[in-house]
PDB file of N, CA and C in Angstrom:
ATOM      1  N   MET A   1      77.509  67.793 111.784  1.00  0.00           N
ATOM      2  CA  MET A   1      77.633  67.193 113.102  1.00  0.00           C
ATOM      3  C   MET A   1      76.467  66.253 113.385  1.00  0.00           C
ATOM      4  N   MET A   2      75.273  66.698 113.077  1.00  0.00           N
ATOM      5  CA  MET A   2      74.087  65.893 113.316  1.00  0.00           C
ATOM      6  C   MET A   2      74.091  64.643 112.430  1.00  0.00           C
ATOM      7  N   ARG A   3      74.582  64.793 111.211  1.00  0.00           N
ATOM      8  CA  ARG A   3      74.628  63.668 110.288  1.00  0.00           C
ATOM      9  C   ARG A   3      75.600  62.593 110.800  1.00  0.00           C
ATOM     10  N   GLY A   4      76.717  63.001 111.400  1.00  0.00           N
ATOM     11  CA  GLY A   4      77.697  62.070 111.952  1.00  0.00           C
ATOM     12  C   GLY A   4      77.123  61.270 113.111  1.00  0.00           C
ATOM     13  N   ARG A   5      76.359  61.931 113.964  1.00  0.00           N
ATOM     14  CA  ARG A   5      75.721  61.235 115.092  1.00  0.00           C
ATOM     15  C   ARG A   5      74.678  60.242 114.600  1.00  0.00           C
ATOM     16  N   ALA A   6      73.910  60.642 113.603  1.00  0.00           N
ATOM     17  CA  ALA A   6      72.883  59.755 113.066  1.00  0.00           C
ATOM     18  C   ALA A   6      73.536  58.515 112.458  1.00  0.00           C
ATOM     19  N   SER A   7      74.645  58.698 111.765  1.00  0.00           N
ATOM     20  CA  SER A   7      75.357  57.561 111.172  1.00  0.00           C
ATOM     21  C   SER A   7      75.901  56.649 112.256  1.00  0.00           C
ATOM     22  N   LEU A   8      76.437  57.247 113.308  1.00  0.00           N
ATOM     23  CA  LEU A   8      76.973  56.457 114.413  1.00  0.00           C
ATOM     24  C   LEU A   8      75.872  55.668 115.114  1.00  0.00           C
ATOM     25  N   LEU A   9      74.705  56.295 115.328  1.00  0.00           N
ATOM     26  CA  LEU A   9      73.583  55.606 115.960  1.00  0.00           C
ATOM     27  C   LEU A   9      73.061  54.472 115.076  1.00  0.00           C
ATOM     28  N   LEU A  10      73.015  54.703 113.771  1.00  0.00           N
ATOM     29  CA  LEU A  10      72.569  53.671 112.851  1.00  0.00           C
ATOM     30  C   LEU A  10      73.536  52.484 112.866  1.00  0.00           C
ATOM     31  N   LEU A  11      74.819  52.777 112.871  1.00  0.00           N
ATOM     32  CA  LEU A  11      75.823  51.726 112.925  1.00  0.00           C
ATOM     33  C   LEU A  11      75.690  50.910 114.212  1.00  0.00           C
ATOM     34  N   ALA A  12      75.498  51.596 115.341  1.00  0.00           N
ATOM     35  CA  ALA A  12      75.338  50.908 116.623  1.00  0.00           C
ATOM     36  C   ALA A  12      74.094  50.029 116.619  1.00  0.00           C
ATOM     37  N   ALA A  13      73.004  50.522 116.031  1.00  0.00           N
ATOM     38  CA  ALA A  13      71.766  49.737 115.968  1.00  0.00           C
ATOM     39  C   ALA A  13      71.959  48.486 115.119  1.00  0.00           C
ATOM     40  N   LEU A  14      72.669  48.618 114.005  1.00  0.00           N
ATOM     41  CA  LEU A  14      72.920  47.463 113.145  1.00  0.00           C
ATOM     42  C   LEU A  14      73.787  46.421 113.841  1.00  0.00           C
ATOM     43  N   LEU A  15      74.796  46.876 114.579  1.00  0.00           N
ATOM     44  CA  LEU A  15      75.657  45.943 115.300  1.00  0.00           C
ATOM     45  C   LEU A  15      74.883  45.193 116.378  1.00  0.00           C
ATOM     46  N   LEU A  16      74.012  45.903 117.083  1.00  0.00           N
ATOM     47  CA  LEU A  16      73.206  45.260 118.120  1.00  0.00           C
ATOM     48  C   LEU A  16      72.197  44.289 117.516  1.00  0.00           C
ATOM     49  N   ALA A  17      71.659  44.612 116.366  1.00  0.00           N
ATOM     50  CA  ALA A  17      70.696  43.730 115.712  1.00  0.00           C
ATOM     51  C   ALA A  17      71.357  42.412 115.324  1.00  0.00           C
ATOM     52  N   GLY A  18      72.631  42.447 115.009  1.00  0.00           N
ATOM     53  CA  GLY A  18      73.352  41.237 114.649  1.00  0.00           C
ATOM     54  C   GLY A  18      73.523  40.296 115.827  1.00  0.00           C
ATOM     55  N   CYS A  19      73.387  40.804 117.049  1.00  0.00           N
ATOM     56  CA  CYS A  19      73.551  39.979 118.250  1.00  0.00           C
ATOM     57  C   CYS A  19      72.262  39.272 118.643  1.00  0.00           C
ATOM     58  N   ALA A  20      71.148  39.722 118.128  1.00  0.00           N
ATOM     59  CA  ALA A  20      69.856  39.163 118.526  1.00  0.00           C
ATOM     60  C   ALA A  20      69.591  37.841 117.821  1.00  0.00           C
ATOM     61  N   ASP A  21      68.734  37.046 118.420  1.00  0.00           N
ATOM     62  CA  ASP A  21      68.272  35.785 117.843  1.00  0.00           C
ATOM     63  C   ASP A  21      69.390  34.822 117.476  1.00  0.00           C
ATOM     64  N   ALA A  22      70.335  34.641 118.383  1.00  0.00           N
ATOM     65  CA  ALA A  22      71.387  33.648 118.154  1.00  0.00           C
ATOM     66  C   ALA A  22      70.755  32.266 118.205  1.00  0.00           C
ATOM     67  N   PRO A  23      71.198  31.339 117.367  1.00  0.00           N
ATOM     68  CA  PRO A  23      70.601  30.005 117.382  1.00  0.00           C
ATOM     69  C   PRO A  23      70.841  29.310 118.716  1.00  0.00           C
ATOM     70  N   ALA A  24      69.877  28.524 119.129  1.00  0.00           N
ATOM     71  CA  ALA A  24      69.988  27.794 120.392  1.00  0.00           C
ATOM     72  C   ALA A  24      71.012  26.672 120.244  1.00  0.00           C
ATOM     73  N   PRO A  25      71.799  26.397 121.292  1.00  0.00           N
ATOM     74  CA  PRO A  25      72.773  25.307 121.211  1.00  0.00           C
ATOM     75  C   PRO A  25      72.069  23.958 121.096  1.00  0.00           C
ATOM     76  N   ARG A  26      72.734  23.008 120.443  1.00  0.00           N
ATOM     77  CA  ARG A  26      72.172  21.669 120.299  1.00  0.00           C
ATOM     78  C   ARG A  26      72.176  20.960 121.641  1.00  0.00           C
ATOM     79  N   ALA A  27      71.168  20.205 121.882  1.00  0.00           N
ATOM     80  CA  ALA A  27      71.077  19.456 123.136  1.00  0.00           C
ATOM     81  C   ALA A  27      72.047  18.280 123.106  1.00  0.00           C
ATOM     82  N   THR A  28      72.679  18.011 124.245  1.00  0.00           N
ATOM     83  CA  THR A  28      73.571  16.866 124.380  1.00  0.00           C
ATOM     84  C   THR A  28      72.998  15.952 125.452  1.00  0.00           C
ATOM     85  N   PRO A  29      73.410  14.713 125.502  1.00  0.00           N
ATOM     86  CA  PRO A  29      72.892  13.800 126.522  1.00  0.00           C
ATOM     87  C   PRO A  29      73.116  14.361 127.922  1.00  0.00           C
ATOM     88  N   ALA A  30      72.201  14.041 128.819  1.00  0.00           N
ATOM     89  CA  ALA A  30      72.310  14.526 130.195  1.00  0.00           C
ATOM     90  C   ALA A  30      73.604  14.047 130.818  1.00  0.00           C
ATOM     91  N   GLN A  31      74.225  14.910 131.560  1.00  0.00           N
ATOM     92  CA  GLN A  31      75.512  14.609 132.193  1.00  0.00           C
ATOM     93  C   GLN A  31      75.522  15.271 133.557  1.00  0.00           C
ATOM     94  N   PRO A  32      75.986  14.602 134.584  1.00  0.00           N
ATOM     95  CA  PRO A  32      76.062  15.242 135.890  1.00  0.00           C
ATOM     96  C   PRO A  32      76.912  16.499 135.798  1.00  0.00           C
ATOM     97  N   PRO A  33      76.569  17.531 136.561  1.00  0.00           N
ATOM     98  CA  PRO A  33      77.354  18.757 136.492  1.00  0.00           C
ATOM     99  C   PRO A  33      78.783  18.528 136.947  1.00  0.00           C
ATOM    100  N   SER A  34      79.695  19.248 136.337  1.00  0.00           N
ATOM    101  CA  SER A  34      81.085  19.140 136.758  1.00  0.00           C
ATOM    102  C   SER A  34      81.283  19.975 138.005  1.00  0.00           C
ATOM    103  N   PRO A  35      82.411  19.791 138.685  1.00  0.00           N
ATOM    104  CA  PRO A  35      82.643  20.520 139.922  1.00  0.00           C
ATOM    105  C   PRO A  35      82.470  22.013 139.729  1.00  0.00           C
ATOM    106  N   ALA A  36      81.887  22.635 140.709  1.00  0.00           N
ATOM    107  CA  ALA A  36      81.663  24.076 140.731  1.00  0.00           C
ATOM    108  C   ALA A  36      80.792  24.522 139.555  1.00  0.00           C
ATOM    109  N   GLY A  37      80.018  23.616 138.966  1.00  0.00           N
ATOM    110  CA  GLY A  37      79.108  23.976 137.888  1.00  0.00           C
ATOM    111  C   GLY A  37      79.803  24.410 136.611  1.00  0.00           C
ATOM    112  N   ALA A  38      81.027  23.955 136.399  1.00  0.00           N
ATOM    113  CA  ALA A  38      81.792  24.364 135.218  1.00  0.00           C
ATOM    114  C   ALA A  38      81.119  23.890 133.939  1.00  0.00           C
ATOM    115  N   ALA A  39      81.328  24.629 132.880  1.00  0.00           N
ATOM    116  CA  ALA A  39      80.766  24.283 131.578  1.00  0.00           C
ATOM    117  C   ALA A  39      81.587  23.172 130.927  1.00  0.00           C
ATOM    118  N   ASP A  40      81.095  22.667 129.811  1.00  0.00           N
ATOM    119  CA  ASP A  40      81.792  21.612 129.078  1.00  0.00           C
ATOM    120  C   ASP A  40      82.931  22.232 128.276  1.00  0.00           C
ATOM    121  N   THR A  41      83.983  22.623 128.952  1.00  0.00           N
ATOM    122  CA  THR A  41      85.118  23.287 128.313  1.00  0.00           C
ATOM    123  C   THR A  41      86.134  22.306 127.756  1.00  0.00           C
ATOM    124  N   CYS A  42      85.953  21.006 128.051  1.00  0.00           N
ATOM    125  CA  CYS A  42      86.929  20.007 127.608  1.00  0.00           C
ATOM    126  C   CYS A  42      86.366  19.064 126.556  1.00  0.00           C
ATOM    127  N   GLY A  43      85.122  19.264 126.150  1.00  0.00           N
ATOM    128  CA  GLY A  43      84.528  18.399 125.146  1.00  0.00           C
ATOM    129  C   GLY A  43      84.067  17.065 125.695  1.00  0.00           C
ATOM    130  N   ALA A  44      83.554  17.057 126.919  1.00  0.00           N
ATOM    131  CA  ALA A  44      83.107  15.815 127.548  1.00  0.00           C
ATOM    132  C   ALA A  44      81.802  15.290 126.951  1.00  0.00           C
ATOM    133  N   GLY A  45      80.991  16.139 126.403  1.00  0.00           N
ATOM    134  CA  GLY A  45      79.677  15.771 125.882  1.00  0.00           C
ATOM    135  C   GLY A  45      79.647  14.547 124.989  1.00  0.00           C
ATOM    136  N   PRO A  46      80.522  14.450 123.988  1.00  0.00           N
ATOM    137  CA  PRO A  46      80.478  13.289 123.091  1.00  0.00           C
ATOM    138  C   PRO A  46      80.757  11.950 123.780  1.00  0.00           C
ATOM    139  N   TYR A  47      81.328  11.969 124.967  1.00  0.00           N
ATOM    140  CA  TYR A  47      81.659  10.739 125.678  1.00  0.00           C
ATOM    141  C   TYR A  47      80.593  10.351 126.704  1.00  0.00           C
ATOM    142  N   ALA A  48      79.511  11.106 126.791  1.00  0.00           N
ATOM    143  CA  ALA A  48      78.470  10.868 127.797  1.00  0.00           C
ATOM    144  C   ALA A  48      77.893   9.458 127.707  1.00  0.00           C
ATOM    145  N   ALA A  49      77.867   8.871 126.526  1.00  0.00           N
ATOM    146  CA  ALA A  49      77.321   7.518 126.362  1.00  0.00           C
ATOM    147  C   ALA A  49      78.157   6.471 127.089  1.00  0.00           C
ATOM    148  N   LEU A  50      79.382   6.816 127.468  1.00  0.00           N
ATOM    149  CA  LEU A  50      80.240   5.867 128.184  1.00  0.00           C
ATOM    150  C   LEU A  50      79.878   5.732 129.660  1.00  0.00           C
ATOM    151  N   VAL A  51      79.095   6.668 130.194  1.00  0.00           N
ATOM    152  CA  VAL A  51      78.701   6.586 131.607  1.00  0.00           C
ATOM    153  C   VAL A  51      77.906   5.300 131.813  1.00  0.00           C
ATOM    154  N   GLY A  52      78.338   4.492 132.761  1.00  0.00           N
ATOM    155  CA  GLY A  52      77.715   3.212 133.049  1.00  0.00           C
ATOM    156  C   GLY A  52      78.426   2.038 132.386  1.00  0.00           C
ATOM    157  N   ALA A  53      79.286   2.335 131.413  1.00  0.00           N
ATOM    158  CA  ALA A  53      80.032   1.268 130.734  1.00  0.00           C
ATOM    159  C   ALA A  53      81.195   0.816 131.607  1.00  0.00           C
ATOM    160  N   GLU A  54      81.709  -0.377 131.335  1.00  0.00           N
ATOM    161  CA  GLU A  54      82.881  -0.863 132.054  1.00  0.00           C
ATOM    162  C   GLU A  54      84.067   0.049 131.752  1.00  0.00           C
ATOM    163  N   ALA A  55      84.945   0.208 132.711  1.00  0.00           N
ATOM    164  CA  ALA A  55      86.105   1.086 132.550  1.00  0.00           C
ATOM    165  C   ALA A  55      86.976   0.664 131.371  1.00  0.00           C
ATOM    166  N   THR A  56      86.956  -0.614 131.028  1.00  0.00           N
ATOM    167  CA  THR A  56      87.757  -1.091 129.896  1.00  0.00           C
ATOM    168  C   THR A  56      87.291  -0.485 128.570  1.00  0.00           C
ATOM    169  N   ALA A  57      86.102   0.101 128.538  1.00  0.00           N
ATOM    170  CA  ALA A  57      85.605   0.755 127.318  1.00  0.00           C
ATOM    171  C   ALA A  57      86.531   1.902 126.903  1.00  0.00           C
ATOM    172  N   LEU A  58      87.252   2.467 127.856  1.00  0.00           N
ATOM    173  CA  LEU A  58      88.180   3.571 127.544  1.00  0.00           C
ATOM    174  C   LEU A  58      89.343   3.094 126.682  1.00  0.00           C
ATOM    175  N   GLU A  59      89.637   1.795 126.744  1.00  0.00           N
ATOM    176  CA  GLU A  59      90.726   1.253 125.935  1.00  0.00           C
ATOM    177  C   GLU A  59      90.382   1.237 124.452  1.00  0.00           C
ATOM    178  N   ARG A  60      89.104   1.309 124.133  1.00  0.00           N
ATOM    179  CA  ARG A  60      88.657   1.240 122.748  1.00  0.00           C
ATOM    180  C   ARG A  60      88.323   2.616 122.167  1.00  0.00           C
ATOM    181  N   VAL A  61      88.573   3.672 122.929  1.00  0.00           N
ATOM    182  CA  VAL A  61      88.252   5.028 122.481  1.00  0.00           C
ATOM    183  C   VAL A  61      89.541   5.829 122.365  1.00  0.00           C
ATOM    184  N   LEU A  62      89.749   6.417 121.207  1.00  0.00           N
ATOM    185  CA  LEU A  62      90.921   7.267 121.003  1.00  0.00           C
ATOM    186  C   LEU A  62      90.578   8.673 121.468  1.00  0.00           C
ATOM    187  N   ILE A  63      91.263   9.138 122.485  1.00  0.00           N
ATOM    188  CA  ILE A  63      91.022  10.475 123.034  1.00  0.00           C
ATOM    189  C   ILE A  63      92.321  11.250 122.946  1.00  0.00           C
ATOM    190  N   MET A  64      92.342  12.225 122.085  1.00  0.00           N
ATOM    191  CA  MET A  64      93.556  13.008 121.843  1.00  0.00           C
ATOM    192  C   MET A  64      93.483  14.346 122.572  1.00  0.00           C
ATOM    193  N   ARG A  65      93.419  14.297 123.876  1.00  0.00           N
ATOM    194  CA  ARG A  65      93.415  15.511 124.697  1.00  0.00           C
ATOM    195  C   ARG A  65      93.864  15.135 126.101  1.00  0.00           C
ATOM    196  N   GLU A  66      94.096  16.134 126.904  1.00  0.00           N
ATOM    197  CA  GLU A  66      94.519  15.881 128.281  1.00  0.00           C
ATOM    198  C   GLU A  66      93.360  15.228 129.040  1.00  0.00           C
ATOM    199  N   LEU A  67      93.669  14.125 129.717  1.00  0.00           N
ATOM    200  CA  LEU A  67      92.636  13.446 130.484  1.00  0.00           C
ATOM    201  C   LEU A  67      93.250  12.748 131.688  1.00  0.00           C
ATOM    202  N   ARG A  68      92.382  12.339 132.592  1.00  0.00           N
ATOM    203  CA  ARG A  68      92.819  11.498 133.707  1.00  0.00           C
ATOM    204  C   ARG A  68      91.675  10.568 134.078  1.00  0.00           C
ATOM    205  N   VAL A  69      92.060   9.387 134.533  1.00  0.00           N
ATOM    206  CA  VAL A  69      91.104   8.375 134.981  1.00  0.00           C
ATOM    207  C   VAL A  69      91.236   8.318 136.493  1.00  0.00           C
ATOM    208  N   ILE A  70      90.125   8.538 137.177  1.00  0.00           N
ATOM    209  CA  ILE A  70      90.123   8.606 138.643  1.00  0.00           C
ATOM    210  C   ILE A  70      89.400   7.379 139.191  1.00  0.00           C
ATOM    211  N   ARG A  71      90.136   6.579 139.941  1.00  0.00           N
ATOM    212  CA  ARG A  71      89.577   5.358 140.529  1.00  0.00           C
ATOM    213  C   ARG A  71      89.290   5.590 142.019  1.00  0.00           C
ATOM    214  N   PRO A  72      88.416   4.787 142.623  1.00  0.00           N
ATOM    215  CA  PRO A  72      88.068   4.953 144.037  1.00  0.00           C
ATOM    216  C   PRO A  72      89.307   4.958 144.933  1.00  0.00           C
ATOM    217  N   GLY A  73      89.372   5.909 145.836  1.00  0.00           N
ATOM    218  CA  GLY A  73      90.467   6.014 146.789  1.00  0.00           C
ATOM    219  C   GLY A  73      91.756   6.569 146.213  1.00  0.00           C
ATOM    220  N   MET A  74      91.774   6.870 144.946  1.00  0.00           N
ATOM    221  CA  MET A  74      92.985   7.374 144.297  1.00  0.00           C
ATOM    222  C   MET A  74      93.198   8.845 144.660  1.00  0.00           C
ATOM    223  N   PRO A  75      94.399   9.211 145.098  1.00  0.00           N
ATOM    224  CA  PRO A  75      94.642  10.629 145.384  1.00  0.00           C
ATOM    225  C   PRO A  75      94.616  11.427 144.073  1.00  0.00           C
ATOM    226  N   VAL A  76      93.982  12.584 144.127  1.00  0.00           N
ATOM    227  CA  VAL A  76      93.824  13.423 142.934  1.00  0.00           C
ATOM    228  C   VAL A  76      94.225  14.847 143.278  1.00  0.00           C
ATOM    229  N   THR A  77      94.964  15.470 142.386  1.00  0.00           N
ATOM    230  CA  THR A  77      95.343  16.863 142.614  1.00  0.00           C
ATOM    231  C   THR A  77      94.102  17.744 142.526  1.00  0.00           C
ATOM    232  N   ALA A  78      94.132  18.863 143.216  1.00  0.00           N
ATOM    233  CA  ALA A  78      92.994  19.778 143.236  1.00  0.00           C
ATOM    234  C   ALA A  78      93.112  20.880 142.195  1.00  0.00           C
ATOM    235  N   ASP A  79      94.121  20.806 141.339  1.00  0.00           N
ATOM    236  CA  ASP A  79      94.267  21.855 140.329  1.00  0.00           C
ATOM    237  C   ASP A  79      93.160  21.738 139.293  1.00  0.00           C
ATOM    238  N   LEU A  80      92.577  22.862 138.946  1.00  0.00           N
ATOM    239  CA  LEU A  80      91.491  22.895 137.981  1.00  0.00           C
ATOM    240  C   LEU A  80      92.043  23.244 136.610  1.00  0.00           C
ATOM    241  N   ARG A  81      91.841  22.362 135.656  1.00  0.00           N
ATOM    242  CA  ARG A  81      92.243  22.598 134.267  1.00  0.00           C
ATOM    243  C   ARG A  81      90.999  22.450 133.420  1.00  0.00           C
ATOM    244  N   ALA A  82      90.502  23.550 132.927  1.00  0.00           N
ATOM    245  CA  ALA A  82      89.232  23.571 132.203  1.00  0.00           C
ATOM    246  C   ALA A  82      89.238  22.664 130.977  1.00  0.00           C
ATOM    247  N   ASN A  83      90.387  22.426 130.380  1.00  0.00           N
ATOM    248  CA  ASN A  83      90.434  21.609 129.168  1.00  0.00           C
ATOM    249  C   ASN A  83      90.708  20.126 129.452  1.00  0.00           C
ATOM    250  N   ARG A  84      90.872  19.752 130.722  1.00  0.00           N
ATOM    251  CA  ARG A  84      91.166  18.346 131.066  1.00  0.00           C
ATOM    252  C   ARG A  84      89.865  17.553 131.206  1.00  0.00           C
ATOM    253  N   LEU A  85      89.837  16.397 130.586  1.00  0.00           N
ATOM    254  CA  LEU A  85      88.704  15.495 130.619  1.00  0.00           C
ATOM    255  C   LEU A  85      88.943  14.466 131.728  1.00  0.00           C
ATOM    256  N   ASN A  86      87.988  14.320 132.639  1.00  0.00           N
ATOM    257  CA  ASN A  86      88.110  13.402 133.771  1.00  0.00           C
ATOM    258  C   ASN A  86      87.086  12.280 133.648  1.00  0.00           C
ATOM    259  N   PHE A  87      87.551  11.044 133.802  1.00  0.00           N
ATOM    260  CA  PHE A  87      86.680   9.877 133.845  1.00  0.00           C
ATOM    261  C   PHE A  87      86.751   9.331 135.262  1.00  0.00           C
ATOM    262  N   GLU A  88      85.629   9.371 135.966  1.00  0.00           N
ATOM    263  CA  GLU A  88      85.565   8.861 137.339  1.00  0.00           C
ATOM    264  C   GLU A  88      85.022   7.430 137.300  1.00  0.00           C
ATOM    265  N   ILE A  89      85.797   6.501 137.851  1.00  0.00           N
ATOM    266  CA  ILE A  89      85.444   5.083 137.861  1.00  0.00           C
ATOM    267  C   ILE A  89      84.910   4.719 139.241  1.00  0.00           C
ATOM    268  N   ASP A  90      83.817   3.969 139.301  1.00  0.00           N
ATOM    269  CA  ASP A  90      83.245   3.593 140.602  1.00  0.00           C
ATOM    270  C   ASP A  90      83.810   2.251 141.086  1.00  0.00           C
ATOM    271  N   ARG A  91      83.361   1.796 142.236  1.00  0.00           N
ATOM    272  CA  ARG A  91      83.877   0.563 142.836  1.00  0.00           C
ATOM    273  C   ARG A  91      83.515  -0.689 142.025  1.00  0.00           C
ATOM    274  N   ALA A  92      82.501  -0.593 141.176  1.00  0.00           N
ATOM    275  CA  ALA A  92      82.113  -1.717 140.318  1.00  0.00           C
ATOM    276  C   ALA A  92      82.908  -1.713 139.010  1.00  0.00           C
ATOM    277  N   ASP A  93      83.917  -0.862 138.923  1.00  0.00           N
ATOM    278  CA  ASP A  93      84.778  -0.713 137.753  1.00  0.00           C
ATOM    279  C   ASP A  93      84.004  -0.257 136.512  1.00  0.00           C
ATOM    280  N   ARG A  94      83.062   0.640 136.755  1.00  0.00           N
ATOM    281  CA  ARG A  94      82.277   1.249 135.671  1.00  0.00           C
ATOM    282  C   ARG A  94      82.516   2.751 135.667  1.00  0.00           C
ATOM    283  N   ILE A  95      82.340   3.351 134.513  1.00  0.00           N
ATOM    284  CA  ILE A  95      82.503   4.805 134.386  1.00  0.00           C
ATOM    285  C   ILE A  95      81.278   5.450 135.042  1.00  0.00           C
ATOM    286  N   ALA A  96      81.508   6.153 136.140  1.00  0.00           N
ATOM    287  CA  ALA A  96      80.429   6.743 136.900  1.00  0.00           C
ATOM    288  C   ALA A  96      80.142   8.182 136.480  1.00  0.00           C
ATOM    289  N   ARG A  97      81.168   8.871 136.032  1.00  0.00           N
ATOM    290  CA  ARG A  97      80.993  10.295 135.728  1.00  0.00           C
ATOM    291  C   ARG A  97      82.084  10.747 134.799  1.00  0.00           C
ATOM    292  N   ILE A  98      81.737  11.682 133.911  1.00  0.00           N
ATOM    293  CA  ILE A  98      82.708  12.304 133.012  1.00  0.00           C
ATOM    294  C   ILE A  98      82.542  13.806 133.161  1.00  0.00           C
ATOM    295  N   TYR A  99      83.638  14.503 133.426  1.00  0.00           N
ATOM    296  CA  TYR A  99      83.535  15.944 133.636  1.00  0.00           C
ATOM    297  C   TYR A  99      84.834  16.651 133.308  1.00  0.00           C
ATOM    298  N   CYS A 100      84.752  17.956 133.207  1.00  0.00           N
ATOM    299  CA  CYS A 100      85.920  18.791 132.932  1.00  0.00           C
ATOM    300  C   CYS A 100      86.533  19.264 134.243  1.00  0.00           C
ATOM    301  N   GLY A 101      87.825  19.435 134.259  1.00  0.00           N
ATOM    302  CA  GLY A 101      88.447  19.983 135.457  1.00  0.00           C
ATOM    303  C   GLY A 101      89.774  19.481 135.755  1.00  0.00           C
TER     304      GLY A 101
END
């Protein structure tokens, strides 16, 4: 009985040791937080360099995922889709923000 408990405790210790010292995530370019502080669940990070570019830059980028382009004054649904990529365009017709939701 005692040997079984010792084996179980050793197994638990080994499993917990495997969780320690996880590598730190790679840094990505600074990006304004998405609504409600959501994480980058849609893969917006690689497109961060487009912030400040003319909206026509989106025509030259192949994006194979759910997305929407939001222009000033455009009505937008309030449904939150963690995997949807949003490009917010400002009044100067530049990409102002990229976020998930």
